[in-house]
C-alpha atoms as a PDB file:
ATOM      1  CA  MET A   1       0.048   0.048   0.050  1.00  0.00           C
ATOM      2  CA  ALA A   2       3.046   2.271   0.207  1.00  0.00           C
ATOM      3  CA  ASP A   3       2.566   3.079  -3.581  1.00  0.00           C
ATOM      4  CA  LEU A   4      -0.744   4.808  -3.006  1.00  0.00           C
ATOM      5  CA  PRO A   5      -0.376   8.593  -3.095  1.00  0.00           C
ATOM      6  CA  ASP A   6      -1.978   9.265   0.302  1.00  0.00           C
ATOM      7  CA  ASN A   7      -2.850   5.761   1.444  1.00  0.00           C
ATOM      8  CA  ASN A   8      -6.477   6.546   0.589  1.00  0.00           C
ATOM      9  CA  PRO A   9      -7.843   4.196  -2.079  1.00  0.00           C
ATOM     10  CA  ALA A  10     -10.651   6.696  -2.784  1.00  0.00           C
ATOM     11  CA  SER A  11      -8.052   9.096  -4.103  1.00  0.00           C
ATOM     12  CA  LEU A  12      -7.678   6.772  -7.151  1.00  0.00           C
ATOM     13  CA  TRP A  13     -11.166   7.413  -8.290  1.00  0.00           C
ATOM     14  CA  PRO A  14     -11.863  10.213 -10.724  1.00  0.00           C
ATOM     15  CA  ALA A  15     -13.482  13.369  -9.361  1.00  0.00           C
ATOM     16  CA  VAL A  16     -17.264  13.488  -9.789  1.00  0.00           C
ATOM     17  CA  SER A  17     -19.237  16.603  -9.768  1.00  0.00           C
ATOM     18  CA  PRO A  18     -22.213  16.835  -7.412  1.00  0.00           C
ATOM     19  CA  ALA A  19     -24.636  16.960 -10.320  1.00  0.00           C
ATOM     20  CA  GLN A  20     -23.417  13.396 -11.325  1.00  0.00           C
ATOM     21  CA  THR A  21     -24.105  11.950  -7.956  1.00  0.00           C
ATOM     22  CA  GLU A  22     -27.661  12.910  -7.645  1.00  0.00           C
ATOM     23  CA  ALA A  23     -29.963  10.056  -8.311  1.00  0.00           C
ATOM     24  CA  PRO A  24     -32.621  10.510 -11.000  1.00  0.00           C
ATOM     25  CA  PRO A  25     -36.160  10.897  -9.766  1.00  0.00           C
ATOM     26  CA  PRO A  26     -37.896   7.592  -9.024  1.00  0.00           C
ATOM     27  CA  ARG A  27     -39.870   6.029 -11.796  1.00  0.00           C
ATOM     28  CA  ARG A  28     -43.091   4.385 -10.663  1.00  0.00           C
ATOM     29  CA  TRP A  29     -44.513   1.506 -12.548  1.00  0.00           C
ATOM     30  CA  VAL A  30     -48.085   0.969 -11.387  1.00  0.00           C
ATOM     31  CA  TRP A  31     -49.685  -0.893 -14.293  1.00  0.00           C
ATOM     32  CA  SER A  32     -53.271  -0.325 -13.205  1.00  0.00           C
ATOM     33  CA  ALA A  33     -52.728   3.446 -12.874  1.00  0.00           C
ATOM     34  CA  MET A  34     -51.170   3.944 -16.225  1.00  0.00           C
ATOM     35  CA  ALA A  35     -53.015   5.355 -19.318  1.00  0.00           C
ATOM     36  CA  PRO A  36     -53.223   2.845 -22.074  1.00  0.00           C
ATOM     37  CA  SER A  37     -50.651   4.842 -24.236  1.00  0.00           C
ATOM     38  CA  GLU A  38     -48.184   4.943 -21.337  1.00  0.00           C
ATOM     39  CA  ARG A  39     -48.791   1.196 -20.584  1.00  0.00           C
ATOM     40  CA  ARG A  40     -48.017   0.326 -24.124  1.00  0.00           C
ATOM     41  CA  THR A  41     -44.816   2.386 -24.124  1.00  0.00           C
ATOM     42  CA  ARG A  42     -43.661   0.850 -20.784  1.00  0.00           C
ATOM     43  CA  LEU A  43     -44.556  -2.664 -21.769  1.00  0.00           C
ATOM     44  CA  ARG A  44     -42.570  -2.200 -24.924  1.00  0.00           C
ATOM     45  CA  GLU A  45     -39.521  -0.960 -22.789  1.00  0.00           C
ATOM     46  CA  LEU A  46     -39.968  -3.846 -20.329  1.00  0.00           C
ATOM     47  CA  ARG A  47     -40.315  -6.400 -23.141  1.00  0.00           C
ATOM     48  CA  THR A  48     -37.032  -5.199 -24.714  1.00  0.00           C
ATOM     49  CA  TRP A  49     -35.199  -5.691 -21.314  1.00  0.00           C
ATOM     50  CA  VAL A  50     -36.771  -9.036 -20.572  1.00  0.00           C
ATOM     51  CA  GLU A  51     -35.722 -10.351 -24.037  1.00  0.00           C
ATOM     52  CA  TRP A  52     -32.213  -9.132 -23.167  1.00  0.00           C
ATOM     53  CA  LEU A  53     -32.388 -10.857 -19.808  1.00  0.00           C
ATOM     54  CA  ARG A  54     -33.702 -14.108 -21.199  1.00  0.00           C
ATOM     55  CA  ASN A  55     -30.910 -14.226 -23.834  1.00  0.00           C
ATOM     56  CA  THR A  56     -28.032 -12.919 -21.611  1.00  0.00           C
ATOM     57  CA  ALA A  57     -28.862 -15.049 -18.631  1.00  0.00           C
ATOM     58  CA  GLU A  58     -30.082 -17.996 -20.677  1.00  0.00           C
ATOM     59  CA  LEU A  59     -33.538 -17.965 -18.935  1.00  0.00           C
ATOM     60  CA  HIS A  60     -35.541 -19.270 -21.926  1.00  0.00           C
ATOM     61  CA  ASN A  61     -36.919 -22.063 -19.864  1.00  0.00           C
ATOM     62  CA  GLU A  62     -37.570 -20.062 -16.773  1.00  0.00           C
ATOM     63  CA  ILE A  63     -39.251 -17.082 -18.345  1.00  0.00           C
ATOM     64  CA  PRO A  64     -41.709 -18.165 -20.993  1.00  0.00           C
ATOM     65  CA  PRO A  65     -42.344 -15.987 -24.089  1.00  0.00           C
ATOM     66  CA  CYS A  66     -45.847 -15.264 -22.771  1.00  0.00           C
ATOM     67  CA  TRP A  67     -44.560 -13.654 -19.577  1.00  0.00           C
ATOM     68  CA  TYR A  68     -46.373 -10.461 -20.175  1.00  0.00           C
ATOM     69  CA  ARG A  69     -49.827 -12.269 -20.059  1.00  0.00           C
ATOM     70  CA  HIS A  70     -49.275 -13.312 -16.426  1.00  0.00           C
ATOM     71  CA  ARG A  71     -49.820 -10.490 -13.991  1.00  0.00           C
ATOM     72  CA  TRP A  72     -47.658 -11.915 -11.231  1.00  0.00           C
ATOM     73  CA  GLY A  73     -44.711 -12.555 -13.612  1.00  0.00           C
ATOM     74  CA  ARG A  74     -45.056  -9.104 -15.137  1.00  0.00           C
ATOM     75  CA  GLU A  75     -45.119  -7.498 -11.626  1.00  0.00           C
ATOM     76  CA  MET A  76     -41.967  -9.429 -10.659  1.00  0.00           C
ATOM     77  CA  LEU A  77     -40.087  -8.669 -13.814  1.00  0.00           C
ATOM     78  CA  THR A  78     -41.090  -5.037 -13.601  1.00  0.00           C
ATOM     79  CA  ALA A  79     -39.749  -4.882 -10.022  1.00  0.00           C
ATOM     80  CA  LEU A  80     -36.566  -6.488 -11.217  1.00  0.00           C
ATOM     81  CA  TYR A  81     -36.191  -4.146 -14.185  1.00  0.00           C
ATOM     82  CA  VAL A  82     -36.793  -0.942 -12.038  1.00  0.00           C
ATOM     83  CA  GLY A  83     -34.199  -2.203  -9.580  1.00  0.00           C
ATOM     84  CA  TRP A  84     -31.810  -2.844 -12.367  1.00  0.00           C
ATOM     85  CA  LEU A  85     -32.406   0.684 -13.710  1.00  0.00           C
ATOM     86  CA  ARG A  86     -31.690   2.232 -10.354  1.00  0.00           C
ATOM     87  CA  THR A  87     -28.527   0.173  -9.902  1.00  0.00           C
END
């Protein structure tokens, strides 16, 4: 550790302006409260991510192609997606 400039590992990270550290406002996904046009837009967004997830994590057998027809599955995938976005 003697080769660190001030023995503080945080000093190796690039400086970040305060504007970059602020979290974006939360996005709420309440399917029953959405207008039909917003629901279509959000479902399209979620579908794109779920397809990426199914392919990347090889979840074809665990997440069926008709996942969006199942309310509970749609809710769970929505929660996972929103958490993924915030991470």
